[in-house]
Amino acid sequence: MYFHLCLLMSFAGLLFQPAIAQENLAYSGNYRLRYCGKGPGSKAAQLQALLPKFWKQLQLVLTDVKRGTASEAYRAYFKSQDNATYVQSIFQAMADGALVHIPVDGAPTTFSSSSYPSLLCVDPSVPNVDQLLPACKHAAAAIVPKREIVILCDHYWIQMKDRPLPVRSDCPKVKHNKFVPDDYRVMYNQFGTFVHELAHAYIRVWDAANTETYNPTDAVNLSAEDSLLNANNYALYASSVIAKCPRYVSPAIISDEPEDRGLLEILEGNSTEDYRLEAAELIDSEPDPSMPINPPLTAVLEDGEIPASIGDSLPPAE
């Protein structure tokens, strides 16, 4: 089972010397690119090239959301036509770089502030930012709870440098109404990671390390209501749409058929022979050896791991 945890920490943000902050602020639309350098070849320049590509992919996702339950991907990950308006609003917010509304403690529908999303690059050459490196040792990205800040770690740039978007070869197969392999490699790319972290910010569920559902089969089996609060559902859905994944499991099918006939009950619209051929393919199916056993996506930080020198707050973007 692949490892995936959300960032848990008491983290008030990042406040550095004003001169440093000024030098390390760039933009892509409404997105603030902090401590990502400047000029050709910098991480800021890479993000300024990536984010327009992500925007184009999100337009395809938004088009698919409009199909509602007529879309197999939507039906698998969000279940109900009633969810479509909310799901569309979340993906539209990502595409627009819309304001992230920060809730007041104990009052989730009351907001203390609103800020445009920030992508913060962990750079060992920048004072204080380098102190986040231990948290990024096994992580590609992290979301700062109750903030608009997504931290992008070295893994995002190194291991994922050749994986900017989902590809069809990463789509899982389906066997006995389970994805095979049952992992999230289809979203193991820069786009999928971006969607996952921004979903946390826009659905305002930051503290999900012990409750989030990670693997695709489990994500599909969430209730219609719970699927809206699981960041990985958004990332798996969007990645599956972009990769044009052809197979999906059906939520919690209960069948009296023998197990060797289970695969025949998975999807509608394919012949029995198609399923038998697929079953034969899966007998010797193995995960892609080029994929890490446990591809790290996000880190866990506990209280006290953030150095005191990192200050009280990052001023909200105007």
C-alpha atoms as a PDB file:
ATOM      1  CA  MET A   1       0.000   0.000   0.000  1.00  0.00           C
ATOM      2  CA  TYR A   2       1.458   3.269  -1.041  1.00  0.00           C
ATOM      3  CA  PHE A   3       2.326   5.862   1.568  1.00  0.00           C
ATOM      4  CA  HIS A   4       0.551   9.156   1.485  1.00  0.00           C
ATOM      5  CA  LEU A   5       0.043  11.568   4.369  1.00  0.00           C
ATOM      6  CA  CYS A   6      -0.985  15.176   4.603  1.00  0.00           C
ATOM      7  CA  LEU A   7       1.010  17.828   6.347  1.00  0.00           C
ATOM      8  CA  LEU A   8       0.157  18.002  10.060  1.00  0.00           C
ATOM      9  CA  MET A   9       1.781  20.754  12.013  1.00  0.00           C
ATOM     10  CA  SER A  10       1.252  23.838  14.043  1.00  0.00           C
ATOM     11  CA  PHE A  11       2.568  26.191  11.415  1.00  0.00           C
ATOM     12  CA  ALA A  12       1.712  29.847  11.426  1.00  0.00           C
ATOM     13  CA  GLY A  13       3.333  30.513   8.064  1.00  0.00           C
ATOM     14  CA  LEU A  14       6.605  31.981   6.890  1.00  0.00           C
ATOM     15  CA  LEU A  15       7.856  35.516   7.471  1.00  0.00           C
ATOM     16  CA  PHE A  16      11.365  36.383   6.354  1.00  0.00           C
ATOM     17  CA  GLN A  17      13.262  39.588   5.885  1.00  0.00           C
ATOM     18  CA  PRO A  18      11.233  41.902   3.583  1.00  0.00           C
ATOM     19  CA  ALA A  19      14.129  42.212   1.129  1.00  0.00           C
ATOM     20  CA  ILE A  20      14.382  38.447   0.804  1.00  0.00           C
ATOM     21  CA  ALA A  21      10.637  38.108   0.374  1.00  0.00           C
ATOM     22  CA  GLN A  22      10.615  40.776  -2.319  1.00  0.00           C
ATOM     23  CA  GLU A  23      13.442  39.090  -4.213  1.00  0.00           C
ATOM     24  CA  ASN A  24      11.707  35.722  -4.128  1.00  0.00           C
ATOM     25  CA  LEU A  25       8.184  36.558  -5.199  1.00  0.00           C
ATOM     26  CA  ALA A  26       6.959  35.777  -8.696  1.00  0.00           C
ATOM     27  CA  TYR A  27       3.501  35.296 -10.190  1.00  0.00           C
ATOM     28  CA  SER A  28       1.553  33.090 -12.547  1.00  0.00           C
ATOM     29  CA  GLY A  29      -1.953  34.478 -12.785  1.00  0.00           C
ATOM     30  CA  ASN A  30      -3.258  34.642  -9.235  1.00  0.00           C
ATOM     31  CA  TYR A  31      -0.714  32.107  -7.990  1.00  0.00           C
ATOM     32  CA  ARG A  32       2.096  33.506  -5.833  1.00  0.00           C
ATOM     33  CA  LEU A  33       5.418  31.720  -6.388  1.00  0.00           C
ATOM     34  CA  ARG A  34       7.482  32.198  -3.255  1.00  0.00           C
ATOM     35  CA  TYR A  35      11.201  31.461  -2.828  1.00  0.00           C
ATOM     36  CA  CYS A  36      11.278  29.772  -6.236  1.00  0.00           C
ATOM     37  CA  GLY A  37      14.013  31.977  -7.685  1.00  0.00           C
ATOM     38  CA  LYS A  38      13.915  34.162 -10.754  1.00  0.00           C
ATOM     39  CA  GLY A  39      15.077  34.052 -14.324  1.00  0.00           C
ATOM     40  CA  PRO A  40      15.402  31.289 -16.931  1.00  0.00           C
ATOM     41  CA  GLY A  41      15.806  27.831 -15.465  1.00  0.00           C
ATOM     42  CA  SER A  42      14.511  28.829 -12.028  1.00  0.00           C
ATOM     43  CA  LYS A  43      11.716  26.902 -10.354  1.00  0.00           C
ATOM     44  CA  ALA A  44       9.555  30.009 -10.733  1.00  0.00           C
ATOM     45  CA  ALA A  45      10.137  29.893 -14.490  1.00  0.00           C
ATOM     46  CA  GLN A  46       9.293  26.191 -14.520  1.00  0.00           C
ATOM     47  CA  LEU A  47       6.069  26.867 -12.624  1.00  0.00           C
ATOM     48  CA  GLN A  48       5.208  29.712 -14.985  1.00  0.00           C
ATOM     49  CA  ALA A  49       5.474  27.165 -17.793  1.00  0.00           C
ATOM     50  CA  LEU A  50       3.640  24.391 -15.922  1.00  0.00           C
ATOM     51  CA  LEU A  51       0.645  26.299 -14.571  1.00  0.00           C
ATOM     52  CA  PRO A  52      -0.772  27.284 -17.976  1.00  0.00           C
ATOM     53  CA  LYS A  53      -0.548  23.594 -18.951  1.00  0.00           C
ATOM     54  CA  PHE A  54      -2.364  22.670 -15.762  1.00  0.00           C
ATOM     55  CA  TRP A  55      -5.015  25.279 -16.587  1.00  0.00           C
ATOM     56  CA  LYS A  56      -5.614  23.637 -19.977  1.00  0.00           C
ATOM     57  CA  GLN A  57      -5.948  20.217 -18.352  1.00  0.00           C
ATOM     58  CA  LEU A  58      -8.371  21.599 -15.789  1.00  0.00           C
ATOM     59  CA  GLN A  59     -10.583  22.835 -18.631  1.00  0.00           C
ATOM     60  CA  LEU A  60     -10.852  19.219 -19.796  1.00  0.00           C
ATOM     61  CA  VAL A  61     -11.687  18.144 -16.255  1.00  0.00           C
ATOM     62  CA  LEU A  62     -14.357  20.856 -15.963  1.00  0.00           C
ATOM     63  CA  THR A  63     -15.885  19.687 -19.235  1.00  0.00           C
ATOM     64  CA  ASP A  64     -16.032  16.152 -17.874  1.00  0.00           C
ATOM     65  CA  VAL A  65     -17.633  17.320 -14.611  1.00  0.00           C
ATOM     66  CA  LYS A  66     -20.454  18.836 -16.666  1.00  0.00           C
ATOM     67  CA  ARG A  67     -21.257  15.337 -17.920  1.00  0.00           C
ATOM     68  CA  GLY A  68     -21.966  14.330 -14.332  1.00  0.00           C
ATOM     69  CA  THR A  69     -22.848  10.691 -13.857  1.00  0.00           C
ATOM     70  CA  ALA A  70     -22.686  10.129 -17.619  1.00  0.00           C
ATOM     71  CA  SER A  71     -18.914  10.160 -17.078  1.00  0.00           C
ATOM     72  CA  GLU A  72     -17.561   6.877 -15.735  1.00  0.00           C
ATOM     73  CA  ALA A  73     -14.745   8.684 -13.959  1.00  0.00           C
ATOM     74  CA  TYR A  74     -17.104  11.155 -12.281  1.00  0.00           C
ATOM     75  CA  ARG A  75     -19.546   8.391 -11.361  1.00  0.00           C
ATOM     76  CA  ALA A  76     -16.746   6.351  -9.783  1.00  0.00           C
ATOM     77  CA  TYR A  77     -15.252   9.115  -7.657  1.00  0.00           C
ATOM     78  CA  PHE A  78     -18.224  11.398  -6.879  1.00  0.00           C
ATOM     79  CA  LYS A  79     -21.276   9.131  -7.280  1.00  0.00           C
ATOM     80  CA  SER A  80     -24.133  11.613  -7.429  1.00  0.00           C
ATOM     81  CA  GLN A  81     -25.288  14.198  -9.939  1.00  0.00           C
ATOM     82  CA  ASP A  82     -26.072  16.371  -6.917  1.00  0.00           C
ATOM     83  CA  ASN A  83     -22.329  16.681  -6.240  1.00  0.00           C
ATOM     84  CA  ALA A  84     -21.484  18.108  -9.656  1.00  0.00           C
ATOM     85  CA  THR A  85     -21.976  21.800  -8.831  1.00  0.00           C
ATOM     86  CA  TYR A  86     -19.672  21.596  -5.797  1.00  0.00           C
ATOM     87  CA  VAL A  87     -17.035  19.529  -7.622  1.00  0.00           C
ATOM     88  CA  GLN A  88     -17.077  21.995 -10.496  1.00  0.00           C
ATOM     89  CA  SER A  89     -16.586  24.901  -8.087  1.00  0.00           C
ATOM     90  CA  ILE A  90     -13.462  23.269  -6.613  1.00  0.00           C
ATOM     91  CA  PHE A  91     -11.835  22.635  -9.983  1.00  0.00           C
ATOM     92  CA  GLN A  92     -12.832  26.104 -11.191  1.00  0.00           C
ATOM     93  CA  ALA A  93     -11.143  27.581  -8.109  1.00  0.00           C
ATOM     94  CA  MET A  94      -7.936  25.706  -8.974  1.00  0.00           C
ATOM     95  CA  ALA A  95      -8.068  26.903 -12.574  1.00  0.00           C
ATOM     96  CA  ASP A  96      -8.644  30.511 -11.494  1.00  0.00           C
ATOM     97  CA  GLY A  97      -6.241  30.522  -8.557  1.00  0.00           C
ATOM     98  CA  ALA A  98      -9.205  31.751  -6.538  1.00  0.00           C
ATOM     99  CA  LEU A  99      -8.902  33.097  -3.022  1.00  0.00           C
ATOM    100  CA  VAL A 100      -8.434  30.495  -0.300  1.00  0.00           C
ATOM    101  CA  HIS A 101     -10.718  31.293   2.631  1.00  0.00           C
ATOM    102  CA  ILE A 102      -9.076  30.676   5.999  1.00  0.00           C
ATOM    103  CA  PRO A 103     -11.575  29.517   8.646  1.00  0.00           C
ATOM    104  CA  VAL A 104     -11.654  30.654  12.245  1.00  0.00           C
ATOM    105  CA  ASP A 105     -10.822  27.889  14.738  1.00  0.00           C
ATOM    106  CA  GLY A 106     -14.017  26.200  15.852  1.00  0.00           C
ATOM    107  CA  ALA A 107     -16.092  28.045  13.267  1.00  0.00           C
ATOM    108  CA  PRO A 108     -15.497  26.391   9.883  1.00  0.00           C
ATOM    109  CA  THR A 109     -17.987  28.613   8.073  1.00  0.00           C
ATOM    110  CA  THR A 110     -16.534  31.846   9.475  1.00  0.00           C
ATOM    111  CA  PHE A 111     -13.413  33.117   7.761  1.00  0.00           C
ATOM    112  CA  SER A 112     -10.592  35.102   9.336  1.00  0.00           C
ATOM    113  CA  SER A 113      -8.976  36.020   6.021  1.00  0.00           C
ATOM    114  CA  SER A 114      -8.741  35.172   2.335  1.00  0.00           C
ATOM    115  CA  SER A 115      -5.519  34.867   0.357  1.00  0.00           C
ATOM    116  CA  TYR A 116      -4.506  33.851  -3.140  1.00  0.00           C
ATOM    117  CA  PRO A 117      -2.754  30.466  -3.276  1.00  0.00           C
ATOM    118  CA  SER A 118       1.001  30.416  -2.777  1.00  0.00           C
ATOM    119  CA  LEU A 119       3.405  27.778  -4.071  1.00  0.00           C
ATOM    120  CA  LEU A 120       6.522  27.819  -1.903  1.00  0.00           C
ATOM    121  CA  CYS A 121       9.705  26.159  -3.128  1.00  0.00           C
ATOM    122  CA  VAL A 122      12.040  24.676  -0.534  1.00  0.00           C
ATOM    123  CA  ASP A 123      15.430  26.107  -1.509  1.00  0.00           C
ATOM    124  CA  PRO A 124      18.531  25.200   0.545  1.00  0.00           C
ATOM    125  CA  SER A 125      20.181  28.480  -0.468  1.00  0.00           C
ATOM    126  CA  VAL A 126      17.506  30.638   1.174  1.00  0.00           C
ATOM    127  CA  PRO A 127      17.875  31.278   4.914  1.00  0.00           C
ATOM    128  CA  ASN A 128      15.111  29.676   7.008  1.00  0.00           C
ATOM    129  CA  VAL A 129      13.493  28.041   3.988  1.00  0.00           C
ATOM    130  CA  ASP A 130      16.375  25.555   4.016  1.00  0.00           C
ATOM    131  CA  GLN A 131      15.233  24.461   7.471  1.00  0.00           C
ATOM    132  CA  LEU A 132      12.183  22.825   5.916  1.00  0.00           C
ATOM    133  CA  LEU A 133      14.425  20.357   4.060  1.00  0.00           C
ATOM    134  CA  PRO A 134      14.102  17.567   6.689  1.00  0.00           C
ATOM    135  CA  ALA A 135      10.334  17.660   6.269  1.00  0.00           C
ATOM    136  CA  CYS A 136      10.815  17.193   2.528  1.00  0.00           C
ATOM    137  CA  LYS A 137      13.179  14.236   2.814  1.00  0.00           C
ATOM    138  CA  HIS A 138      10.472  11.791   1.719  1.00  0.00           C
ATOM    139  CA  ALA A 139       7.921  14.164   0.233  1.00  0.00           C
ATOM    140  CA  ALA A 140       7.031  15.837  -3.037  1.00  0.00           C
ATOM    141  CA  ALA A 141       4.645  18.431  -1.596  1.00  0.00           C
ATOM    142  CA  ALA A 142       2.711  19.457   1.475  1.00  0.00           C
ATOM    143  CA  ILE A 143      -0.186  21.690   2.413  1.00  0.00           C
ATOM    144  CA  VAL A 144       0.110  24.072   5.331  1.00  0.00           C
ATOM    145  CA  PRO A 145      -3.005  23.603   7.487  1.00  0.00           C
ATOM    146  CA  LYS A 146      -5.423  26.501   7.496  1.00  0.00           C
ATOM    147  CA  ARG A 147      -3.276  28.443   5.072  1.00  0.00           C
ATOM    148  CA  GLU A 148      -3.111  29.075   1.348  1.00  0.00           C
ATOM    149  CA  ILE A 149       0.453  27.703   1.135  1.00  0.00           C
ATOM    150  CA  VAL A 150       1.521  24.598  -0.766  1.00  0.00           C
ATOM    151  CA  ILE A 151       5.145  23.585  -0.176  1.00  0.00           C
ATOM    152  CA  LEU A 152       6.915  22.055  -3.176  1.00  0.00           C
ATOM    153  CA  CYS A 153       9.830  19.829  -2.207  1.00  0.00           C
ATOM    154  CA  ASP A 154      12.828  18.693  -4.263  1.00  0.00           C
ATOM    155  CA  HIS A 155      11.078  15.428  -5.046  1.00  0.00           C
ATOM    156  CA  TYR A 156       8.510  17.414  -7.026  1.00  0.00           C
ATOM    157  CA  TRP A 157      11.279  18.688  -9.295  1.00  0.00           C
ATOM    158  CA  ILE A 158      13.605  15.673  -9.442  1.00  0.00           C
ATOM    159  CA  GLN A 159      11.631  12.407  -9.366  1.00  0.00           C
ATOM    160  CA  MET A 160       8.650  13.994 -11.114  1.00  0.00           C
ATOM    161  CA  LYS A 161      10.542  16.111 -13.647  1.00  0.00           C
ATOM    162  CA  ASP A 162       9.596  13.723 -16.463  1.00  0.00           C
ATOM    163  CA  ARG A 163       6.071  13.238 -15.146  1.00  0.00           C
ATOM    164  CA  PRO A 164       4.315  16.599 -15.573  1.00  0.00           C
ATOM    165  CA  LEU A 165       0.926  15.095 -16.544  1.00  0.00           C
ATOM    166  CA  PRO A 166      -0.953  11.811 -16.119  1.00  0.00           C
ATOM    167  CA  VAL A 167      -0.441   9.225 -18.857  1.00  0.00           C
ATOM    168  CA  ARG A 168      -2.620   6.307 -19.868  1.00  0.00           C
ATOM    169  CA  SER A 169       0.064   3.715 -19.118  1.00  0.00           C
ATOM    170  CA  ASP A 170      -0.368   4.594 -15.430  1.00  0.00           C
ATOM    171  CA  CYS A 171      -4.095   3.786 -15.453  1.00  0.00           C
ATOM    172  CA  PRO A 172      -4.830   0.711 -13.315  1.00  0.00           C
ATOM    173  CA  LYS A 173      -6.581  -2.336 -14.647  1.00  0.00           C
ATOM    174  CA  VAL A 174      -9.678  -3.728 -12.949  1.00  0.00           C
ATOM    175  CA  LYS A 175      -9.979  -7.215 -11.479  1.00  0.00           C
ATOM    176  CA  HIS A 176     -12.810  -8.518  -9.277  1.00  0.00           C
ATOM    177  CA  ASN A 177     -14.058  -4.964  -8.890  1.00  0.00           C
ATOM    178  CA  LYS A 178     -10.712  -3.706  -7.592  1.00  0.00           C
ATOM    179  CA  PHE A 179      -8.065  -1.613  -9.252  1.00  0.00           C
ATOM    180  CA  VAL A 180      -4.884  -3.535 -10.067  1.00  0.00           C
ATOM    181  CA  PRO A 181      -2.452  -2.350  -8.871  1.00  0.00           C
ATOM    182  CA  ASP A 182      -4.507  -0.556  -6.221  1.00  0.00           C
ATOM    183  CA  ASP A 183      -2.301   2.480  -5.842  1.00  0.00           C
ATOM    184  CA  TYR A 184      -2.335   6.090  -6.931  1.00  0.00           C
ATOM    185  CA  ARG A 185       0.364   6.028  -9.615  1.00  0.00           C
ATOM    186  CA  VAL A 186      -2.064   7.645 -12.072  1.00  0.00           C
ATOM    187  CA  MET A 187      -1.772  10.829  -9.976  1.00  0.00           C
ATOM    188  CA  TYR A 188       1.948  10.355  -9.287  1.00  0.00           C
ATOM    189  CA  ASN A 189       2.921  13.367 -11.368  1.00  0.00           C
ATOM    190  CA  GLN A 190       3.220  17.111 -10.999  1.00  0.00           C
ATOM    191  CA  PHE A 191      -0.367  17.786 -12.081  1.00  0.00           C
ATOM    192  CA  GLY A 192      -1.910  15.169  -9.779  1.00  0.00           C
ATOM    193  CA  THR A 193       0.133  16.358  -6.809  1.00  0.00           C
ATOM    194  CA  PHE A 194      -0.856  19.970  -7.511  1.00  0.00           C
ATOM    195  CA  VAL A 195      -4.552  19.051  -7.656  1.00  0.00           C
ATOM    196  CA  HIS A 196      -4.336  17.030  -4.460  1.00  0.00           C
ATOM    197  CA  GLU A 197      -2.780  19.804  -2.391  1.00  0.00           C
ATOM    198  CA  LEU A 198      -5.032  22.546  -3.774  1.00  0.00           C
ATOM    199  CA  ALA A 199      -8.070  20.344  -3.104  1.00  0.00           C
ATOM    200  CA  HIS A 200      -7.157  20.396   0.586  1.00  0.00           C
ATOM    201  CA  ALA A 201      -7.117  24.188   0.549  1.00  0.00           C
ATOM    202  CA  TYR A 202     -10.370  24.659  -1.346  1.00  0.00           C
ATOM    203  CA  ILE A 203     -12.422  21.976   0.409  1.00  0.00           C
ATOM    204  CA  ARG A 204     -10.883  23.250   3.669  1.00  0.00           C
ATOM    205  CA  VAL A 205      -9.909  19.821   4.970  1.00  0.00           C
ATOM    206  CA  TRP A 206      -6.328  20.120   6.168  1.00  0.00           C
ATOM    207  CA  ASP A 207      -6.129  17.614   9.039  1.00  0.00           C
ATOM    208  CA  ALA A 208      -6.739  14.401   7.122  1.00  0.00           C
ATOM    209  CA  ALA A 209      -3.527  12.433   7.722  1.00  0.00           C
ATOM    210  CA  ASN A 210      -5.326   9.740   9.709  1.00  0.00           C
ATOM    211  CA  THR A 211      -8.652   9.822   7.908  1.00  0.00           C
ATOM    212  CA  GLU A 212      -7.911  10.439   4.232  1.00  0.00           C
ATOM    213  CA  THR A 213      -8.602   7.604   1.831  1.00  0.00           C
ATOM    214  CA  TYR A 214      -5.674   7.116  -0.510  1.00  0.00           C
ATOM    215  CA  ASN A 215      -6.030   4.044  -2.729  1.00  0.00           C
ATOM    216  CA  PRO A 216      -8.373   4.240  -5.718  1.00  0.00           C
ATOM    217  CA  THR A 217     -10.612   1.288  -4.789  1.00  0.00           C
ATOM    218  CA  ASP A 218     -11.181   2.693  -1.302  1.00  0.00           C
ATOM    219  CA  ALA A 219     -11.753   6.175  -2.741  1.00  0.00           C
ATOM    220  CA  VAL A 220     -14.413   4.825  -5.095  1.00  0.00           C
ATOM    221  CA  ASN A 221     -16.155   3.121  -2.184  1.00  0.00           C
ATOM    222  CA  LEU A 222     -16.582   6.323  -0.189  1.00  0.00           C
ATOM    223  CA  SER A 223     -20.104   7.628   0.126  1.00  0.00           C
ATOM    224  CA  ALA A 224     -21.210  10.468  -2.133  1.00  0.00           C
ATOM    225  CA  GLU A 225     -20.904  12.871   0.798  1.00  0.00           C
ATOM    226  CA  ASP A 226     -17.495  11.651   1.986  1.00  0.00           C
ATOM    227  CA  SER A 227     -16.070  11.740  -1.528  1.00  0.00           C
ATOM    228  CA  LEU A 228     -16.448  15.534  -1.537  1.00  0.00           C
ATOM    229  CA  LEU A 229     -14.216  15.799   1.549  1.00  0.00           C
ATOM    230  CA  ASN A 230     -11.427  13.494   0.351  1.00  0.00           C
ATOM    231  CA  ALA A 231      -8.689  15.400  -1.466  1.00  0.00           C
ATOM    232  CA  ASN A 232      -7.437  12.268  -3.189  1.00  0.00           C
ATOM    233  CA  ASN A 233     -10.805  11.802  -4.940  1.00  0.00           C
ATOM    234  CA  TYR A 234     -10.225  15.067  -6.780  1.00  0.00           C
ATOM    235  CA  ALA A 235      -6.661  14.124  -7.726  1.00  0.00           C
ATOM    236  CA  LEU A 236      -7.560  10.582  -8.800  1.00  0.00           C
ATOM    237  CA  TYR A 237     -10.564  11.782 -10.769  1.00  0.00           C
ATOM    238  CA  ALA A 238      -8.747  14.607 -12.555  1.00  0.00           C
ATOM    239  CA  SER A 239      -5.729  12.427 -13.307  1.00  0.00           C
ATOM    240  CA  SER A 240      -7.937   9.627 -14.633  1.00  0.00           C
ATOM    241  CA  VAL A 241      -9.769  12.036 -16.934  1.00  0.00           C
ATOM    242  CA  ILE A 242      -6.528  13.457 -18.344  1.00  0.00           C
ATOM    243  CA  ALA A 243      -4.991   9.992 -18.750  1.00  0.00           C
ATOM    244  CA  LYS A 244      -8.225   8.757 -20.399  1.00  0.00           C
ATOM    245  CA  CYS A 245      -8.365   5.720 -18.151  1.00  0.00           C
ATOM    246  CA  PRO A 246     -10.733   3.166 -19.719  1.00  0.00           C
ATOM    247  CA  ARG A 247     -11.732   1.093 -16.670  1.00  0.00           C
ATOM    248  CA  TYR A 248     -13.287   1.934 -13.316  1.00  0.00           C
ATOM    249  CA  VAL A 249     -14.587  -0.150 -10.457  1.00  0.00           C
ATOM    250  CA  SER A 250     -18.186   0.143  -9.347  1.00  0.00           C
ATOM    251  CA  PRO A 251     -18.821   1.208  -5.752  1.00  0.00           C
ATOM    252  CA  ALA A 252     -19.301  -1.692  -3.329  1.00  0.00           C
ATOM    253  CA  ILE A 253     -20.831  -4.245  -5.680  1.00  0.00           C
ATOM    254  CA  ILE A 254     -22.111  -7.259  -3.756  1.00  0.00           C
ATOM    255  CA  SER A 255     -22.458 -10.316  -5.930  1.00  0.00           C
ATOM    256  CA  ASP A 256     -23.435 -13.935  -5.286  1.00  0.00           C
ATOM    257  CA  GLU A 257     -21.411 -15.041  -8.295  1.00  0.00           C
ATOM    258  CA  PRO A 258     -18.295 -17.197  -7.758  1.00  0.00           C
ATOM    259  CA  GLU A 259     -15.108 -15.190  -7.483  1.00  0.00           C
ATOM    260  CA  ASP A 260     -13.859 -16.265 -10.901  1.00  0.00           C
ATOM    261  CA  ARG A 261     -16.921 -14.571 -12.419  1.00  0.00           C
ATOM    262  CA  GLY A 262     -16.525 -11.392 -10.399  1.00  0.00           C
ATOM    263  CA  LEU A 263     -14.707  -9.557 -13.143  1.00  0.00           C
ATOM    264  CA  LEU A 264     -17.679 -10.027 -15.448  1.00  0.00           C
ATOM    265  CA  GLU A 265     -19.804  -7.902 -13.130  1.00  0.00           C
ATOM    266  CA  ILE A 266     -17.496  -4.903 -12.994  1.00  0.00           C
ATOM    267  CA  LEU A 267     -18.512  -2.678 -15.853  1.00  0.00           C
ATOM    268  CA  GLU A 268     -21.348  -2.388 -18.289  1.00  0.00           C
ATOM    269  CA  GLY A 269     -20.925  -2.132 -22.031  1.00  0.00           C
ATOM    270  CA  ASN A 270     -18.204  -4.729 -22.613  1.00  0.00           C
ATOM    271  CA  SER A 271     -18.645  -8.283 -23.817  1.00  0.00           C
ATOM    272  CA  THR A 272     -17.990 -11.350 -21.689  1.00  0.00           C
ATOM    273  CA  GLU A 273     -15.110 -12.195 -23.989  1.00  0.00           C
ATOM    274  CA  ASP A 274     -13.559  -8.777 -23.354  1.00  0.00           C
ATOM    275  CA  TYR A 275     -13.570  -9.449 -19.633  1.00  0.00           C
ATOM    276  CA  ARG A 276     -12.101 -12.940 -20.050  1.00  0.00           C
ATOM    277  CA  LEU A 277      -9.282 -11.514 -22.115  1.00  0.00           C
ATOM    278  CA  GLU A 278      -8.686  -8.825 -19.512  1.00  0.00           C
ATOM    279  CA  ALA A 279      -8.694 -11.432 -16.739  1.00  0.00           C
ATOM    280  CA  ALA A 280      -6.113 -13.474 -18.638  1.00  0.00           C
ATOM    281  CA  GLU A 281      -3.929 -10.374 -18.960  1.00  0.00           C
ATOM    282  CA  LEU A 282      -4.103  -9.764 -15.237  1.00  0.00           C
ATOM    283  CA  ILE A 283      -3.056 -13.236 -14.121  1.00  0.00           C
ATOM    284  CA  ASP A 284       0.610 -12.345 -14.448  1.00  0.00           C
ATOM    285  CA  SER A 285       0.137  -8.613 -14.011  1.00  0.00           C
ATOM    286  CA  GLU A 286       2.935  -6.888 -12.116  1.00  0.00           C
ATOM    287  CA  PRO A 287       3.367  -3.235 -11.115  1.00  0.00           C
ATOM    288  CA  ASP A 288       5.576  -1.123 -13.332  1.00  0.00           C
ATOM    289  CA  PRO A 289       9.140  -1.731 -12.027  1.00  0.00           C
ATOM    290  CA  SER A 290      10.086   1.842 -12.875  1.00  0.00           C
ATOM    291  CA  MET A 291       7.707   3.106 -10.185  1.00  0.00           C
ATOM    292  CA  PRO A 292       9.017   3.493  -6.614  1.00  0.00           C
ATOM    293  CA  ILE A 293       7.549   1.031  -4.118  1.00  0.00           C
ATOM    294  CA  ASN A 294       6.210   3.881  -2.001  1.00  0.00           C
ATOM    295  CA  PRO A 295       6.267   7.082  -4.036  1.00  0.00           C
ATOM    296  CA  PRO A 296       6.337   9.899  -1.488  1.00  0.00           C
ATOM    297  CA  LEU A 297       3.887  12.716  -2.018  1.00  0.00           C
ATOM    298  CA  THR A 298       3.533  14.674   1.198  1.00  0.00           C
ATOM    299  CA  ALA A 299       5.266  14.962   4.516  1.00  0.00           C
ATOM    300  CA  VAL A 300       4.232  14.901   8.143  1.00  0.00           C
ATOM    301  CA  LEU A 301       5.541  17.569  10.449  1.00  0.00           C
ATOM    302  CA  GLU A 302       4.873  17.502  14.138  1.00  0.00           C
ATOM    303  CA  ASP A 303       4.868  20.354  16.637  1.00  0.00           C
ATOM    304  CA  GLY A 304       8.363  21.653  17.202  1.00  0.00           C
ATOM    305  CA  GLU A 305       9.756  20.593  13.841  1.00  0.00           C
ATOM    306  CA  ILE A 306       9.352  24.059  12.365  1.00  0.00           C
ATOM    307  CA  PRO A 307      12.236  26.263  13.535  1.00  0.00           C
ATOM    308  CA  ALA A 308      11.265  29.207  15.707  1.00  0.00           C
ATOM    309  CA  SER A 309      13.166  31.541  13.358  1.00  0.00           C
ATOM    310  CA  ILE A 310      10.431  31.033  10.794  1.00  0.00           C
ATOM    311  CA  GLY A 311       8.253  33.681  12.406  1.00  0.00           C
ATOM    312  CA  ASP A 312       4.569  34.204  12.758  1.00  0.00           C
ATOM    313  CA  SER A 313       2.873  34.696   9.417  1.00  0.00           C
ATOM    314  CA  LEU A 314       3.207  35.146   5.722  1.00  0.00           C
ATOM    315  CA  PRO A 315       1.284  38.293   4.825  1.00  0.00           C
ATOM    316  CA  PRO A 316      -1.762  37.448   2.710  1.00  0.00           C
ATOM    317  CA  ALA A 317      -1.391  38.364  -0.935  1.00  0.00           C
ATOM    318  CA  GLU A 318      -3.278  41.445  -1.987  1.00  0.00           C
END
